[in-house]
Amino acid sequence: VLIASKLGPQRIYYWDGKSKKMQDRLLKALMPPFLESIGVVDVETATGPLIVRDEFAVGKNGIGRVGENLKEWFYSKVEAPSGPTLLSYSKITYSSLDGPIIEELGSKVETTMAQILALIEHQEIGGPGVLLNNNCLDNIFYVKDALDVLRTVRVFWREVGWRIFAYSVTCPGEWGAGSQVFSRNSSFAVAV
């Protein structure tokens, strides 16, 4: 019904005769973009390796809670230093699963735990900065875990600290409109 109302009665027959690939392209052209670019942030990470278990612990760096999946998937990970990088961040304009977001970001999707930590340290007590800290919206990152599996890392502020959780990128939950997604500002590989 929504598609028909967008196309109008004269074009519905045109739509009906097209292949699935063509229908998908037409639908994408009719829908507003679901990632709206907000800006770019320069992220200065530590010069030494990042031991995830040590830095993403409750009570350290303003962290109030760490999810069990993050502990299981990331606590054995050690990231090599990566130096300064630029991250892009975009607002989700309407609810979306991880799959379409990952597809939209393409080769720029992967970030690191060190980059997340640098952003958190800059806003350690939930102060002003690029991370949303309003108790109801999420900051979303895509990071490879200790076994090199791409995961969704959710960072959000609640009353007394940052909360950090990890999810499978195939999780059926949608990210709400207004949340932010962080990605690399270029297609170059991430050093870990």
N, C-alpha and C. Protein backbone atom coordinates (compact mmCIF):
# COMPACT_ATOMS: atom_id res chain seq x y z
N VAL A 1 0.83 -1.18 0.00
CA VAL A 1 0.00 0.00 0.00
C VAL A 1 0.88 1.25 0.00
N LEU A 2 1.93 1.27 0.86
CA LEU A 2 2.84 2.41 0.90
C LEU A 2 3.51 2.60 -0.45
N ILE A 3 3.98 1.53 -1.05
CA ILE A 3 4.64 1.61 -2.35
C ILE A 3 3.66 2.12 -3.40
N ALA A 4 2.46 1.58 -3.40
CA ALA A 4 1.45 2.01 -4.37
C ALA A 4 1.13 3.49 -4.21
N SER A 5 1.05 3.97 -2.98
CA SER A 5 0.75 5.38 -2.77
C SER A 5 1.89 6.27 -3.24
N LYS A 6 3.12 5.79 -3.11
CA LYS A 6 4.27 6.57 -3.60
C LYS A 6 4.31 6.58 -5.13
N LEU A 7 3.96 5.47 -5.75
CA LEU A 7 4.03 5.37 -7.21
C LEU A 7 2.85 6.04 -7.89
N GLY A 8 1.69 5.96 -7.29
CA GLY A 8 0.49 6.49 -7.91
C GLY A 8 -0.16 5.44 -8.80
N PRO A 9 -1.46 5.61 -9.12
CA PRO A 9 -2.20 4.60 -9.87
C PRO A 9 -1.68 4.39 -11.30
N GLN A 10 -1.12 5.40 -11.92
CA GLN A 10 -0.66 5.27 -13.31
C GLN A 10 0.61 4.42 -13.41
N ARG A 11 1.42 4.39 -12.33
CA ARG A 11 2.71 3.70 -12.42
C ARG A 11 2.72 2.35 -11.73
N ILE A 12 1.65 1.94 -11.08
CA ILE A 12 1.64 0.68 -10.36
C ILE A 12 1.85 -0.50 -11.31
N TYR A 13 1.31 -0.43 -12.51
CA TYR A 13 1.50 -1.53 -13.47
C TYR A 13 2.95 -1.59 -13.93
N TYR A 14 3.60 -0.45 -14.05
CA TYR A 14 5.02 -0.40 -14.39
C TYR A 14 5.82 -1.15 -13.33
N TRP A 15 5.50 -0.88 -12.06
CA TRP A 15 6.18 -1.53 -10.94
C TRP A 15 5.98 -3.04 -10.97
N ASP A 16 4.77 -3.46 -11.21
CA ASP A 16 4.40 -4.86 -11.16
C ASP A 16 5.18 -5.71 -12.16
N GLY A 17 5.56 -5.16 -13.29
CA GLY A 17 6.24 -5.94 -14.31
C GLY A 17 7.75 -5.99 -14.18
N LYS A 18 8.33 -5.38 -13.17
CA LYS A 18 9.78 -5.30 -13.02
C LYS A 18 10.33 -6.45 -12.19
N SER A 19 11.60 -6.75 -12.42
CA SER A 19 12.28 -7.79 -11.65
C SER A 19 12.47 -7.33 -10.21
N LYS A 20 12.79 -8.26 -9.33
CA LYS A 20 13.02 -7.95 -7.91
C LYS A 20 14.16 -6.94 -7.78
N LYS A 21 15.21 -7.10 -8.56
CA LYS A 21 16.35 -6.18 -8.49
C LYS A 21 15.91 -4.76 -8.88
N MET A 22 15.14 -4.65 -9.93
CA MET A 22 14.65 -3.34 -10.37
C MET A 22 13.69 -2.75 -9.34
N GLN A 23 12.82 -3.59 -8.76
CA GLN A 23 11.90 -3.11 -7.73
C GLN A 23 12.68 -2.56 -6.54
N ASP A 24 13.76 -3.27 -6.14
CA ASP A 24 14.57 -2.81 -5.02
C ASP A 24 15.21 -1.46 -5.31
N ARG A 25 15.71 -1.27 -6.53
CA ARG A 25 16.31 0.01 -6.92
C ARG A 25 15.27 1.13 -6.91
N LEU A 26 14.09 0.84 -7.43
CA LEU A 26 13.02 1.85 -7.44
C LEU A 26 12.60 2.21 -6.02
N LEU A 27 12.47 1.19 -5.17
CA LEU A 27 12.07 1.43 -3.79
C LEU A 27 13.12 2.27 -3.07
N LYS A 28 14.40 1.97 -3.28
CA LYS A 28 15.48 2.74 -2.66
C LYS A 28 15.42 4.20 -3.10
N ALA A 29 15.09 4.43 -4.38
CA ALA A 29 15.00 5.80 -4.89
C ALA A 29 13.83 6.55 -4.25
N LEU A 30 12.78 5.84 -3.87
CA LEU A 30 11.61 6.49 -3.28
C LEU A 30 11.76 6.76 -1.78
N MET A 31 12.61 5.99 -1.12
CA MET A 31 12.78 6.12 0.32
C MET A 31 13.84 7.16 0.64
N PRO A 32 13.66 7.93 1.70
CA PRO A 32 14.71 8.87 2.11
C PRO A 32 15.92 8.09 2.63
N PRO A 33 17.11 8.65 2.57
CA PRO A 33 18.28 7.94 3.08
C PRO A 33 18.11 7.69 4.58
N PHE A 34 18.52 6.51 5.03
CA PHE A 34 18.33 6.23 6.45
C PHE A 34 19.55 6.59 7.28
N LEU A 35 20.67 6.95 6.64
CA LEU A 35 21.83 7.47 7.36
C LEU A 35 22.09 8.90 6.90
N GLU A 36 21.96 9.84 7.81
CA GLU A 36 22.18 11.25 7.50
C GLU A 36 23.51 11.68 8.14
N SER A 37 24.47 12.06 7.30
CA SER A 37 25.79 12.44 7.79
C SER A 37 25.70 13.63 8.74
N ILE A 38 26.39 13.50 9.89
CA ILE A 38 26.44 14.58 10.86
C ILE A 38 27.80 15.28 10.80
N GLY A 39 28.86 14.48 10.76
CA GLY A 39 30.18 15.09 10.74
C GLY A 39 31.30 14.07 10.82
N VAL A 40 32.49 14.60 11.08
CA VAL A 40 33.70 13.79 11.17
C VAL A 40 34.40 14.20 12.46
N VAL A 41 34.96 13.23 13.17
CA VAL A 41 35.69 13.50 14.40
C VAL A 41 37.09 12.90 14.30
N ASP A 42 38.08 13.68 14.73
CA ASP A 42 39.47 13.23 14.77
C ASP A 42 39.66 12.45 16.07
N VAL A 43 40.06 11.19 15.97
CA VAL A 43 40.18 10.34 17.15
C VAL A 43 41.65 10.01 17.36
N GLU A 44 42.15 10.40 18.52
CA GLU A 44 43.55 10.14 18.90
C GLU A 44 43.55 8.97 19.87
N THR A 45 44.05 7.81 19.44
CA THR A 45 44.08 6.64 20.30
C THR A 45 45.43 6.56 21.01
N ALA A 46 45.51 5.71 22.03
CA ALA A 46 46.75 5.52 22.79
C ALA A 46 47.86 5.00 21.88
N THR A 47 49.09 5.26 22.26
CA THR A 47 50.23 4.85 21.44
C THR A 47 50.62 3.39 21.66
N GLY A 48 50.15 2.79 22.72
CA GLY A 48 50.46 1.39 22.99
C GLY A 48 49.29 0.49 22.64
N PRO A 49 49.49 -0.83 22.79
CA PRO A 49 48.39 -1.76 22.51
C PRO A 49 47.24 -1.57 23.50
N LEU A 50 46.04 -1.89 23.05
CA LEU A 50 44.85 -1.79 23.89
C LEU A 50 44.46 -3.19 24.34
N ILE A 51 44.47 -3.41 25.64
CA ILE A 51 44.00 -4.66 26.22
C ILE A 51 42.55 -4.41 26.64
N VAL A 52 41.64 -4.95 25.87
CA VAL A 52 40.21 -4.64 26.03
C VAL A 52 39.74 -4.94 27.45
N ARG A 53 40.12 -6.09 28.01
CA ARG A 53 39.69 -6.48 29.36
C ARG A 53 40.05 -5.41 30.39
N ASP A 54 41.23 -4.80 30.26
CA ASP A 54 41.69 -3.81 31.24
C ASP A 54 41.00 -2.46 31.08
N GLU A 55 40.76 -2.03 29.85
CA GLU A 55 40.24 -0.68 29.61
C GLU A 55 38.72 -0.59 29.62
N PHE A 56 38.05 -1.70 29.32
CA PHE A 56 36.58 -1.70 29.30
C PHE A 56 36.07 -2.44 30.53
N ALA A 57 36.42 -1.89 31.70
CA ALA A 57 36.02 -2.49 32.97
C ALA A 57 35.14 -1.49 33.72
N VAL A 58 34.18 -2.00 34.45
CA VAL A 58 33.29 -1.15 35.24
C VAL A 58 34.13 -0.33 36.22
N GLY A 59 33.85 0.97 36.27
CA GLY A 59 34.56 1.87 37.16
C GLY A 59 35.76 2.55 36.51
N LYS A 60 36.13 2.12 35.32
CA LYS A 60 37.26 2.73 34.63
C LYS A 60 36.74 3.54 33.44
N ASN A 61 37.33 4.70 33.21
CA ASN A 61 36.98 5.55 32.06
C ASN A 61 35.51 5.93 32.02
N GLY A 62 34.88 6.04 33.18
CA GLY A 62 33.47 6.43 33.22
C GLY A 62 32.51 5.32 32.82
N ILE A 63 32.98 4.08 32.80
CA ILE A 63 32.14 2.95 32.39
C ILE A 63 31.33 2.44 33.58
N GLY A 64 30.02 2.41 33.40
CA GLY A 64 29.12 1.98 34.46
C GLY A 64 28.66 0.53 34.35
N ARG A 65 28.70 -0.01 33.12
CA ARG A 65 28.26 -1.40 32.93
C ARG A 65 28.83 -1.95 31.63
N VAL A 66 29.20 -3.23 31.65
CA VAL A 66 29.71 -3.93 30.47
C VAL A 66 28.88 -5.19 30.29
N GLY A 67 28.32 -5.37 29.09
CA GLY A 67 27.49 -6.54 28.82
C GLY A 67 28.27 -7.84 28.75
N GLU A 68 27.57 -8.93 29.04
CA GLU A 68 28.21 -10.25 29.04
C GLU A 68 28.76 -10.65 27.67
N ASN A 69 28.04 -10.33 26.59
CA ASN A 69 28.54 -10.65 25.25
C ASN A 69 29.85 -9.93 24.96
N LEU A 70 29.94 -8.67 25.38
CA LEU A 70 31.18 -7.94 25.16
C LEU A 70 32.33 -8.61 25.90
N LYS A 71 32.09 -9.01 27.12
CA LYS A 71 33.12 -9.71 27.89
C LYS A 71 33.53 -11.00 27.17
N GLU A 72 32.56 -11.78 26.75
CA GLU A 72 32.84 -13.07 26.10
C GLU A 72 33.57 -12.90 24.78
N TRP A 73 33.13 -11.95 23.95
CA TRP A 73 33.67 -11.82 22.60
C TRP A 73 34.91 -10.93 22.51
N PHE A 74 35.08 -10.00 23.45
CA PHE A 74 36.15 -9.00 23.31
C PHE A 74 37.21 -9.03 24.40
N TYR A 75 36.94 -9.60 25.56
CA TYR A 75 37.89 -9.47 26.66
C TYR A 75 39.23 -10.14 26.41
N SER A 76 39.34 -11.06 25.50
CA SER A 76 40.65 -11.67 25.19
C SER A 76 41.36 -10.94 24.05
N LYS A 77 40.77 -9.86 23.56
CA LYS A 77 41.33 -9.14 22.42
C LYS A 77 42.37 -8.10 22.87
N VAL A 78 43.46 -8.04 22.11
CA VAL A 78 44.47 -7.00 22.27
C VAL A 78 44.62 -6.34 20.91
N GLU A 79 44.37 -5.02 20.85
CA GLU A 79 44.49 -4.29 19.60
C GLU A 79 45.83 -3.59 19.53
N ALA A 80 46.47 -3.67 18.37
CA ALA A 80 47.72 -2.95 18.13
C ALA A 80 47.40 -1.46 18.03
N PRO A 81 48.38 -0.60 18.34
CA PRO A 81 48.13 0.84 18.20
C PRO A 81 47.80 1.20 16.76
N SER A 82 46.89 2.16 16.59
CA SER A 82 46.50 2.54 15.23
C SER A 82 46.78 4.00 14.89
N GLY A 83 47.13 4.80 15.87
CA GLY A 83 47.41 6.21 15.61
C GLY A 83 46.14 7.01 15.40
N PRO A 84 46.30 8.29 15.06
CA PRO A 84 45.12 9.14 14.86
C PRO A 84 44.32 8.72 13.63
N THR A 85 43.01 8.79 13.75
CA THR A 85 42.12 8.44 12.64
C THR A 85 40.93 9.40 12.61
N LEU A 86 40.26 9.41 11.48
CA LEU A 86 39.03 10.18 11.35
C LEU A 86 37.87 9.20 11.31
N LEU A 87 36.86 9.47 12.12
CA LEU A 87 35.63 8.68 12.09
C LEU A 87 34.50 9.58 11.61
N SER A 88 33.66 9.03 10.75
CA SER A 88 32.44 9.71 10.35
C SER A 88 31.34 9.26 11.29
N TYR A 89 30.38 10.13 11.53
CA TYR A 89 29.22 9.69 12.30
C TYR A 89 27.96 10.23 11.65
N SER A 90 26.94 9.36 11.65
CA SER A 90 25.69 9.64 10.96
C SER A 90 24.52 9.33 11.87
N LYS A 91 23.42 10.04 11.63
CA LYS A 91 22.19 9.80 12.38
C LYS A 91 21.32 8.82 11.61
N ILE A 92 20.71 7.88 12.30
CA ILE A 92 19.74 6.98 11.70
C ILE A 92 18.42 7.75 11.60
N THR A 93 17.88 7.88 10.38
CA THR A 93 16.67 8.68 10.21
C THR A 93 15.39 7.88 10.41
N TYR A 94 15.45 6.57 10.23
CA TYR A 94 14.33 5.70 10.58
C TYR A 94 14.88 4.35 10.97
N SER A 95 14.14 3.62 11.80
CA SER A 95 14.62 2.36 12.39
C SER A 95 15.20 1.43 11.34
N SER A 96 16.29 0.75 11.74
CA SER A 96 16.96 -0.14 10.81
C SER A 96 17.66 -1.28 11.55
N LEU A 97 17.71 -2.42 10.90
CA LEU A 97 18.53 -3.54 11.35
C LEU A 97 19.99 -3.24 11.02
N ASP A 98 20.90 -4.05 11.54
CA ASP A 98 22.32 -3.88 11.24
C ASP A 98 22.64 -4.11 9.76
N GLY A 99 22.01 -5.10 9.14
CA GLY A 99 22.33 -5.46 7.76
C GLY A 99 22.32 -4.29 6.79
N PRO A 100 21.23 -3.53 6.70
CA PRO A 100 21.21 -2.38 5.79
C PRO A 100 22.24 -1.31 6.14
N ILE A 101 22.51 -1.12 7.43
CA ILE A 101 23.51 -0.13 7.84
C ILE A 101 24.89 -0.58 7.36
N ILE A 102 25.21 -1.84 7.61
CA ILE A 102 26.51 -2.39 7.19
C ILE A 102 26.65 -2.30 5.68
N GLU A 103 25.59 -2.62 4.96
CA GLU A 103 25.62 -2.55 3.50
C GLU A 103 25.85 -1.11 3.04
N GLU A 104 25.19 -0.17 3.66
CA GLU A 104 25.33 1.25 3.30
C GLU A 104 26.75 1.76 3.56
N LEU A 105 27.35 1.34 4.69
CA LEU A 105 28.69 1.81 5.03
C LEU A 105 29.78 1.12 4.21
N GLY A 106 29.49 -0.10 3.74
CA GLY A 106 30.44 -0.82 2.88
C GLY A 106 31.79 -1.03 3.54
N SER A 107 32.86 -0.74 2.82
CA SER A 107 34.21 -1.00 3.30
C SER A 107 34.63 -0.07 4.44
N LYS A 108 33.82 0.92 4.76
CA LYS A 108 34.13 1.86 5.84
C LYS A 108 33.52 1.45 7.18
N VAL A 109 32.87 0.32 7.23
CA VAL A 109 32.06 -0.05 8.39
C VAL A 109 32.88 -0.30 9.66
N GLU A 110 34.05 -0.87 9.55
CA GLU A 110 34.76 -1.34 10.73
C GLU A 110 35.48 -0.24 11.49
N THR A 111 35.26 -0.22 12.81
CA THR A 111 35.98 0.66 13.72
C THR A 111 36.73 -0.22 14.72
N THR A 112 37.33 0.39 15.75
CA THR A 112 38.09 -0.39 16.73
C THR A 112 37.62 -0.07 18.15
N MET A 113 37.98 -0.94 19.06
CA MET A 113 37.69 -0.70 20.47
C MET A 113 38.50 0.49 20.96
N ALA A 114 39.71 0.68 20.44
CA ALA A 114 40.54 1.82 20.84
C ALA A 114 39.88 3.14 20.45
N GLN A 115 39.24 3.18 19.30
CA GLN A 115 38.54 4.40 18.88
C GLN A 115 37.34 4.67 19.78
N ILE A 116 36.61 3.62 20.15
CA ILE A 116 35.49 3.78 21.07
C ILE A 116 36.00 4.32 22.41
N LEU A 117 37.08 3.73 22.91
CA LEU A 117 37.64 4.15 24.19
C LEU A 117 38.06 5.62 24.16
N ALA A 118 38.69 6.05 23.07
CA ALA A 118 39.13 7.45 22.96
C ALA A 118 37.94 8.40 23.03
N LEU A 119 36.82 8.04 22.38
CA LEU A 119 35.62 8.88 22.42
C LEU A 119 35.02 8.90 23.83
N ILE A 120 35.00 7.75 24.49
CA ILE A 120 34.47 7.68 25.85
C ILE A 120 35.33 8.50 26.80
N GLU A 121 36.65 8.38 26.69
CA GLU A 121 37.55 9.12 27.57
C GLU A 121 37.35 10.63 27.41
N HIS A 122 37.06 11.05 26.19
CA HIS A 122 36.82 12.48 25.94
C HIS A 122 35.54 12.96 26.64
N GLN A 123 34.61 12.05 26.86
CA GLN A 123 33.33 12.37 27.53
C GLN A 123 33.15 11.50 28.76
N GLU A 124 34.22 11.31 29.51
CA GLU A 124 34.23 10.35 30.61
C GLU A 124 33.05 10.45 31.56
N ILE A 125 32.62 11.64 31.89
CA ILE A 125 31.49 11.76 32.82
C ILE A 125 30.20 12.13 32.10
N GLY A 126 30.12 11.75 30.84
CA GLY A 126 28.90 11.99 30.07
C GLY A 126 28.74 13.42 29.61
N GLY A 127 29.83 14.18 29.62
CA GLY A 127 29.77 15.59 29.22
C GLY A 127 29.60 15.76 27.72
N PRO A 128 29.77 16.99 27.23
CA PRO A 128 29.58 17.27 25.81
C PRO A 128 30.64 16.61 24.94
N GLY A 129 30.24 16.28 23.75
CA GLY A 129 31.12 15.63 22.77
C GLY A 129 30.29 15.03 21.66
N VAL A 130 30.89 14.18 20.84
CA VAL A 130 30.16 13.61 19.71
C VAL A 130 29.27 12.43 20.09
N LEU A 131 29.58 11.75 21.19
CA LEU A 131 28.74 10.62 21.62
C LEU A 131 27.43 11.15 22.18
N LEU A 132 26.33 10.53 21.79
CA LEU A 132 25.03 10.87 22.38
C LEU A 132 25.05 10.46 23.84
N ASN A 133 24.55 11.33 24.70
CA ASN A 133 24.59 11.05 26.14
C ASN A 133 23.28 11.45 26.83
N ASN A 134 22.17 11.24 26.12
CA ASN A 134 20.88 11.73 26.60
C ASN A 134 19.98 10.66 27.21
N ASN A 135 20.54 9.55 27.63
CA ASN A 135 19.79 8.49 28.32
C ASN A 135 18.81 7.71 27.45
N CYS A 136 18.66 8.04 26.16
CA CYS A 136 17.68 7.27 25.39
C CYS A 136 18.13 6.91 23.97
N LEU A 137 19.24 7.44 23.48
CA LEU A 137 19.69 7.12 22.13
C LEU A 137 21.04 6.41 22.18
N ASP A 138 21.32 5.63 21.16
CA ASP A 138 22.52 4.80 21.13
C ASP A 138 23.59 5.34 20.20
N ASN A 139 24.84 4.98 20.51
CA ASN A 139 25.99 5.17 19.65
C ASN A 139 26.39 3.78 19.19
N ILE A 140 26.43 3.55 17.87
CA ILE A 140 26.62 2.22 17.33
C ILE A 140 27.94 2.16 16.56
N PHE A 141 28.71 1.11 16.85
CA PHE A 141 30.00 0.87 16.20
C PHE A 141 30.02 -0.57 15.70
N TYR A 142 30.79 -0.84 14.67
CA TYR A 142 30.97 -2.20 14.17
C TYR A 142 32.45 -2.54 14.31
N VAL A 143 32.72 -3.56 15.16
CA VAL A 143 34.09 -3.90 15.54
C VAL A 143 34.28 -5.41 15.44
N LYS A 144 35.45 -5.84 14.98
CA LYS A 144 35.76 -7.27 14.96
C LYS A 144 36.19 -7.71 16.35
N ASP A 145 35.65 -8.86 16.79
CA ASP A 145 35.95 -9.36 18.13
C ASP A 145 37.28 -10.12 18.14
N ALA A 146 37.57 -10.81 19.23
CA ALA A 146 38.83 -11.54 19.39
C ALA A 146 38.99 -12.65 18.36
N LEU A 147 37.88 -13.17 17.82
CA LEU A 147 37.93 -14.22 16.81
C LEU A 147 37.75 -13.67 15.40
N ASP A 148 37.85 -12.36 15.24
CA ASP A 148 37.77 -11.68 13.95
C ASP A 148 36.36 -11.71 13.34
N VAL A 149 35.34 -11.77 14.20
CA VAL A 149 33.95 -11.74 13.76
C VAL A 149 33.42 -10.33 13.96
N LEU A 150 32.81 -9.76 12.92
CA LEU A 150 32.26 -8.41 13.03
C LEU A 150 31.05 -8.42 13.97
N ARG A 151 31.08 -7.54 14.96
CA ARG A 151 30.01 -7.43 15.96
C ARG A 151 29.51 -5.98 16.01
N THR A 152 28.33 -5.81 16.54
CA THR A 152 27.79 -4.49 16.81
C THR A 152 28.13 -4.15 18.25
N VAL A 153 28.73 -2.98 18.47
CA VAL A 153 29.02 -2.52 19.82
C VAL A 153 28.16 -1.28 20.07
N ARG A 154 27.35 -1.37 21.11
CA ARG A 154 26.42 -0.30 21.47
C ARG A 154 26.96 0.42 22.71
N VAL A 155 27.09 1.74 22.60
CA VAL A 155 27.57 2.57 23.70
C VAL A 155 26.47 3.59 24.01
N PHE A 156 26.07 3.67 25.27
CA PHE A 156 25.05 4.64 25.65
C PHE A 156 25.26 5.08 27.09
N TRP A 157 24.78 6.27 27.41
CA TRP A 157 24.95 6.85 28.75
C TRP A 157 23.70 6.63 29.57
N ARG A 158 23.86 6.18 30.80
CA ARG A 158 22.75 6.07 31.76
C ARG A 158 23.24 6.60 33.09
N GLU A 159 22.51 7.52 33.64
CA GLU A 159 22.73 8.15 34.94
C GLU A 159 24.18 8.28 35.40
N VAL A 160 24.84 7.18 35.69
CA VAL A 160 26.16 7.25 36.33
C VAL A 160 27.29 6.65 35.49
N GLY A 161 27.07 6.41 34.23
CA GLY A 161 28.19 5.89 33.45
C GLY A 161 27.82 5.39 32.07
N TRP A 162 28.86 5.16 31.28
CA TRP A 162 28.69 4.60 29.95
C TRP A 162 28.39 3.12 30.07
N ARG A 163 27.50 2.65 29.25
CA ARG A 163 27.16 1.23 29.18
C ARG A 163 27.57 0.73 27.81
N ILE A 164 28.22 -0.43 27.80
CA ILE A 164 28.77 -0.94 26.56
C ILE A 164 28.34 -2.40 26.40
N PHE A 165 27.65 -2.66 25.29
CA PHE A 165 27.14 -4.00 25.02
C PHE A 165 27.54 -4.41 23.61
N ALA A 166 27.62 -5.71 23.38
CA ALA A 166 27.94 -6.24 22.05
C ALA A 166 26.83 -7.18 21.60
N TYR A 167 26.57 -7.16 20.29
CA TYR A 167 25.50 -7.98 19.71
C TYR A 167 25.99 -8.60 18.40
N SER A 168 25.37 -9.68 18.01
CA SER A 168 25.59 -10.24 16.69
C SER A 168 25.02 -9.27 15.66
N VAL A 169 25.68 -9.14 14.51
CA VAL A 169 25.15 -8.25 13.47
C VAL A 169 23.89 -8.82 12.83
N THR A 170 23.53 -10.05 13.16
CA THR A 170 22.29 -10.63 12.66
C THR A 170 21.17 -10.59 13.70
N CYS A 171 21.40 -9.88 14.80
CA CYS A 171 20.39 -9.74 15.85
C CYS A 171 19.12 -9.12 15.23
N PRO A 172 17.94 -9.60 15.59
CA PRO A 172 16.71 -9.10 14.96
C PRO A 172 16.26 -7.73 15.46
N GLY A 173 16.93 -7.15 16.44
CA GLY A 173 16.52 -5.84 16.95
C GLY A 173 16.91 -4.71 16.02
N GLU A 174 16.05 -3.68 15.96
CA GLU A 174 16.32 -2.51 15.13
C GLU A 174 16.89 -1.39 15.97
N TRP A 175 17.73 -0.56 15.34
CA TRP A 175 18.25 0.64 15.97
C TRP A 175 17.28 1.77 15.67
N GLY A 176 16.94 2.53 16.69
CA GLY A 176 15.93 3.57 16.55
C GLY A 176 16.41 4.83 15.86
N ALA A 177 15.47 5.53 15.28
CA ALA A 177 15.74 6.82 14.64
C ALA A 177 16.34 7.77 15.67
N GLY A 178 17.36 8.51 15.24
CA GLY A 178 18.04 9.45 16.12
C GLY A 178 19.33 8.91 16.69
N SER A 179 19.49 7.58 16.74
CA SER A 179 20.75 7.00 17.19
C SER A 179 21.84 7.30 16.18
N GLN A 180 23.10 7.16 16.59
CA GLN A 180 24.23 7.47 15.72
C GLN A 180 25.02 6.22 15.37
N VAL A 181 25.57 6.23 14.16
CA VAL A 181 26.44 5.15 13.69
C VAL A 181 27.80 5.75 13.36
N PHE A 182 28.85 5.13 13.87
CA PHE A 182 30.22 5.58 13.61
C PHE A 182 30.89 4.64 12.63
N SER A 183 31.68 5.21 11.73
CA SER A 183 32.40 4.41 10.73
C SER A 183 33.69 5.13 10.37
N ARG A 184 34.58 4.42 9.68
CA ARG A 184 35.81 5.05 9.21
C ARG A 184 35.49 6.10 8.17
N ASN A 185 36.33 7.10 8.08
CA ASN A 185 36.13 8.16 7.11
C ASN A 185 36.79 7.83 5.78
N SER A 186 37.44 6.67 5.69
CA SER A 186 38.06 6.23 4.44
C SER A 186 37.93 4.73 4.33
N SER A 187 38.31 4.17 3.20
CA SER A 187 38.19 2.73 2.97
C SER A 187 39.45 1.97 3.35
N PHE A 188 40.44 2.64 3.94
CA PHE A 188 41.67 1.95 4.29
C PHE A 188 41.44 0.96 5.42
N ALA A 189 42.25 -0.08 5.45
CA ALA A 189 42.10 -1.13 6.44
C ALA A 189 42.35 -0.62 7.85
N VAL A 190 41.76 -1.28 8.84
CA VAL A 190 41.95 -0.96 10.24
C VAL A 190 43.08 -1.80 10.77
N ALA A 191 44.03 -1.18 11.47
CA ALA A 191 45.14 -1.92 12.08
C ALA A 191 44.71 -2.41 13.44
N VAL A 192 44.78 -3.73 13.65
CA VAL A 192 44.46 -4.29 14.98
C VAL A 192 45.47 -5.34 15.36
